C-alpha atoms as a PDB file:
ATOM      1  CA  THR A   1    -216.223 142.197  63.887  1.00  0.00           C
ATOM      2  CA  LYS A   2    -213.440 141.148  65.919  1.00  0.00           C
ATOM      3  CA  GLY A   3    -209.781 142.270  64.875  1.00  0.00           C
ATOM      4  CA  ASN A   4    -211.182 145.450  63.295  1.00  0.00           C
ATOM      5  CA  SER A   5    -210.847 149.099  64.254  1.00  0.00           C
ATOM      6  CA  VAL A   6    -213.780 151.035  65.568  1.00  0.00           C
ATOM      7  CA  SER A   7    -214.202 155.417  65.728  1.00  0.00           C
ATOM      8  CA  LEU A   8    -216.264 156.868  67.734  1.00  0.00           C
ATOM      9  CA  HIS A   9    -216.537 160.877  67.399  1.00  0.00           C
ATOM     10  CA  CYS A  10    -218.389 163.005  69.652  1.00  0.00           C
ATOM     11  CA  LYS A  11    -218.377 167.361  68.414  1.00  0.00           C
ATOM     12  CA  PRO A  12    -220.148 169.236  71.335  1.00  0.00           C
ATOM     13  CA  THR A  13    -220.139 172.770  69.979  1.00  0.00           C
ATOM     14  CA  MET A  14    -218.065 173.612  73.730  1.00  0.00           C
ATOM     15  CA  GLY A  15    -216.903 172.306  76.531  1.00  0.00           C
ATOM     16  CA  GLU A  16    -214.339 169.507  77.456  1.00  0.00           C
ATOM     17  CA  ILE A  17    -214.129 166.274  76.903  1.00  0.00           C
ATOM     18  CA  THR A  18    -214.809 163.161  79.047  1.00  0.00           C
ATOM     19  CA  TRP A  19    -214.771 159.626  77.832  1.00  0.00           C
ATOM     20  CA  SER A  20    -215.721 156.420  79.331  1.00  0.00           C
ATOM     21  CA  LEU A  21    -216.689 152.641  79.315  1.00  0.00           C
ATOM     22  CA  ASN A  22    -219.005 151.420  81.542  1.00  0.00           C
ATOM     23  CA  GLY A  23    -218.816 154.424  83.616  1.00  0.00           C
ATOM     24  CA  SER A  24    -215.074 153.974  84.398  1.00  0.00           C
ATOM     25  CA  PRO A  25    -213.354 156.653  83.317  1.00  0.00           C
ATOM     26  CA  LEU A  26    -210.575 156.188  79.552  1.00  0.00           C
ATOM     27  CA  SER A  27    -207.462 158.936  79.773  1.00  0.00           C
ATOM     28  CA  SER A  28    -208.747 160.167  76.380  1.00  0.00           C
ATOM     29  CA  THR A  29    -209.990 164.109  76.410  1.00  0.00           C
ATOM     30  CA  SER A  30    -210.204 163.529  72.051  1.00  0.00           C
ATOM     31  CA  THR A  31    -213.023 163.942  70.029  1.00  0.00           C
ATOM     32  CA  SER A  32    -212.424 161.314  68.779  1.00  0.00           C
ATOM     33  CA  LEU A  33    -212.273 157.698  70.523  1.00  0.00           C
ATOM     34  CA  ILE A  34    -210.159 155.152  68.085  1.00  0.00           C
ATOM     35  CA  MET A  35    -209.220 151.748  68.709  1.00  0.00           C
ATOM     36  CA  GLU A  36    -207.607 149.354  66.789  1.00  0.00           C
ATOM     37  CA  ASN A  37    -207.421 145.418  66.239  1.00  0.00           C
ATOM     38  CA  VAL A  38    -210.988 145.193  69.085  1.00  0.00           C
ATOM     39  CA  GLY A  39    -211.672 142.164  71.089  1.00  0.00           C
ATOM     40  CA  GLN A  40    -214.701 141.130  73.633  1.00  0.00           C
ATOM     41  CA  GLU A  41    -212.581 143.931  76.582  1.00  0.00           C
ATOM     42  CA  ASN A  42    -213.776 146.868  74.136  1.00  0.00           C
ATOM     43  CA  GLU A  43    -216.867 145.388  74.492  1.00  0.00           C
ATOM     44  CA  GLY A  44    -219.495 147.885  76.484  1.00  0.00           C
ATOM     45  CA  VAL A  45    -221.500 151.767  76.679  1.00  0.00           C
ATOM     46  CA  TYR A  46    -218.958 154.115  75.762  1.00  0.00           C
ATOM     47  CA  LYS A  47    -219.578 157.297  76.888  1.00  0.00           C
ATOM     48  CA  CYS A  48    -218.596 161.529  75.374  1.00  0.00           C
ATOM     49  CA  GLN A  49    -219.605 164.259  78.443  1.00  0.00           C
ATOM     50  CA  ALA A  50    -219.113 167.508  77.791  1.00  0.00           C
ATOM     51  CA  ALA A  51    -218.869 170.343  80.276  1.00  0.00           C
ATOM     52  CA  HIS A  52    -219.227 173.626  79.734  1.00  0.00           C
ATOM     53  CA  GLN A  53    -220.150 176.418  82.339  1.00  0.00           C
ATOM     54  CA  GLY A  54    -221.757 174.360  84.682  1.00  0.00           C
ATOM     55  CA  GLN A  55    -223.552 171.996  82.367  1.00  0.00           C
ATOM     56  CA  THR A  56    -223.142 168.551  81.249  1.00  0.00           C
ATOM     57  CA  LEU A  57    -224.262 167.347  78.112  1.00  0.00           C
ATOM     58  CA  SER A  58    -223.574 163.144  76.903  1.00  0.00           C
ATOM     59  CA  SER A  59    -224.090 161.175  74.026  1.00  0.00           C
ATOM     60  CA  SER A  60    -223.407 157.746  75.013  1.00  0.00           C
ATOM     61  CA  ALA A  61    -223.122 153.949  72.232  1.00  0.00           C
ATOM     62  CA  LYS A  62    -223.264 150.705  72.776  1.00  0.00           C
ATOM     63  CA  VAL A  63    -220.167 148.514  71.169  1.00  0.00           C
ATOM     64  CA  THR A  64    -220.329 144.775  70.261  1.00  0.00           C
ATOM     65  CA  VAL A  65    -217.820 142.845  68.666  1.00  0.00           C
ATOM     66  CA  SER A  66    -218.961 139.232  67.158  1.00  0.00           C
ATOM     67  CA  ASP A  67    -216.697 136.758  66.221  1.00  0.00           C
ATOM     68  CA  THR A  68    -218.276 136.856  62.800  1.00  0.00           C
ATOM     69  CA  GLY A  69    -218.607 139.451  60.351  1.00  0.00           C
ATOM     70  CA  ILE A  70    -217.024 140.587  57.092  1.00  0.00           C
ATOM     71  CA  THR A  71    -213.327 141.348  55.917  1.00  0.00           C
ATOM     72  CA  GLN A  72    -212.938 142.992  52.951  1.00  0.00           C
ATOM     73  CA  HIS A  73    -215.582 145.566  52.016  1.00  0.00           C
ATOM     74  CA  PRO A  74    -216.022 146.144  48.525  1.00  0.00           C
ATOM     75  CA  VAL A  75    -214.344 149.725  47.927  1.00  0.00           C
ATOM     76  CA  ASP A  76    -216.059 152.260  45.465  1.00  0.00           C
ATOM     77  CA  THR A  77    -214.879 152.777  42.079  1.00  0.00           C
ATOM     78  CA  THR A  78    -215.563 155.323  40.218  1.00  0.00           C
ATOM     79  CA  LEU A  79    -216.315 153.809  35.835  1.00  0.00           C
ATOM     80  CA  GLN A  80    -216.353 155.356  32.382  1.00  0.00           C
ATOM     81  CA  SER A  81    -219.420 154.726  31.002  1.00  0.00           C
ATOM     82  CA  GLY A  82    -219.527 150.706  29.293  1.00  0.00           C
ATOM     83  CA  GLN A  83    -216.326 149.697  31.659  1.00  0.00           C
ATOM     84  CA  GLN A  84    -216.345 147.041  33.970  1.00  0.00           C
ATOM     85  CA  ALA A  85    -215.881 146.814  37.483  1.00  0.00           C
ATOM     86  CA  THR A  86    -215.070 143.642  40.061  1.00  0.00           C
ATOM     87  CA  PHE A  87    -216.667 143.901  43.538  1.00  0.00           C
ATOM     88  CA  THR A  88    -215.227 141.854  46.202  1.00  0.00           C
ATOM     89  CA  CYS A  89    -216.637 141.196  49.624  1.00  0.00           C
ATOM     90  CA  ALA A  90    -215.331 138.682  51.792  1.00  0.00           C
ATOM     91  CA  THR A  91    -215.996 137.380  54.891  1.00  0.00           C
ATOM     92  CA  ASN A  92    -214.067 135.136  57.857  1.00  0.00           C
ATOM     93  CA  ALA A  93    -217.726 132.400  58.095  1.00  0.00           C
ATOM     94  CA  ASP A  94    -219.799 130.871  55.685  1.00  0.00           C
ATOM     95  CA  SER A  95    -221.924 133.303  54.129  1.00  0.00           C
ATOM     96  CA  SER A  96    -223.597 133.999  50.801  1.00  0.00           C
ATOM     97  CA  PHE A  97    -223.799 137.882  49.505  1.00  0.00           C
ATOM     98  CA  LYS A  98    -226.799 139.727  47.786  1.00  0.00           C
ATOM     99  CA  TRP A  99    -225.522 143.055  45.293  1.00  0.00           C
ATOM    100  CA  PHE A 100    -227.709 145.440  45.495  1.00  0.00           C
ATOM    101  CA  ILE A 101    -227.161 148.697  42.603  1.00  0.00           C
END
């Protein structure tokens, strides 16, 4: 959802990592690509590539940013038997929720 953060992880067993977005190289060589406050400019196909001794491995992920979505996610809670829990979930759109246990 627009304004949230996105984390992409690439953990090859060997090799130097490069990232690209829609075929254009990105400056990161980290195993994780973290984007804060995402917007439409962050949409596209992200590719992680690892090269080692003449071999190249790659993996891709498509990122789509929506204007609407969940803005507050429920939080994990641990309870004693018989205790009551309250879970909160919110969106930035007119929606309803179904809860499953």
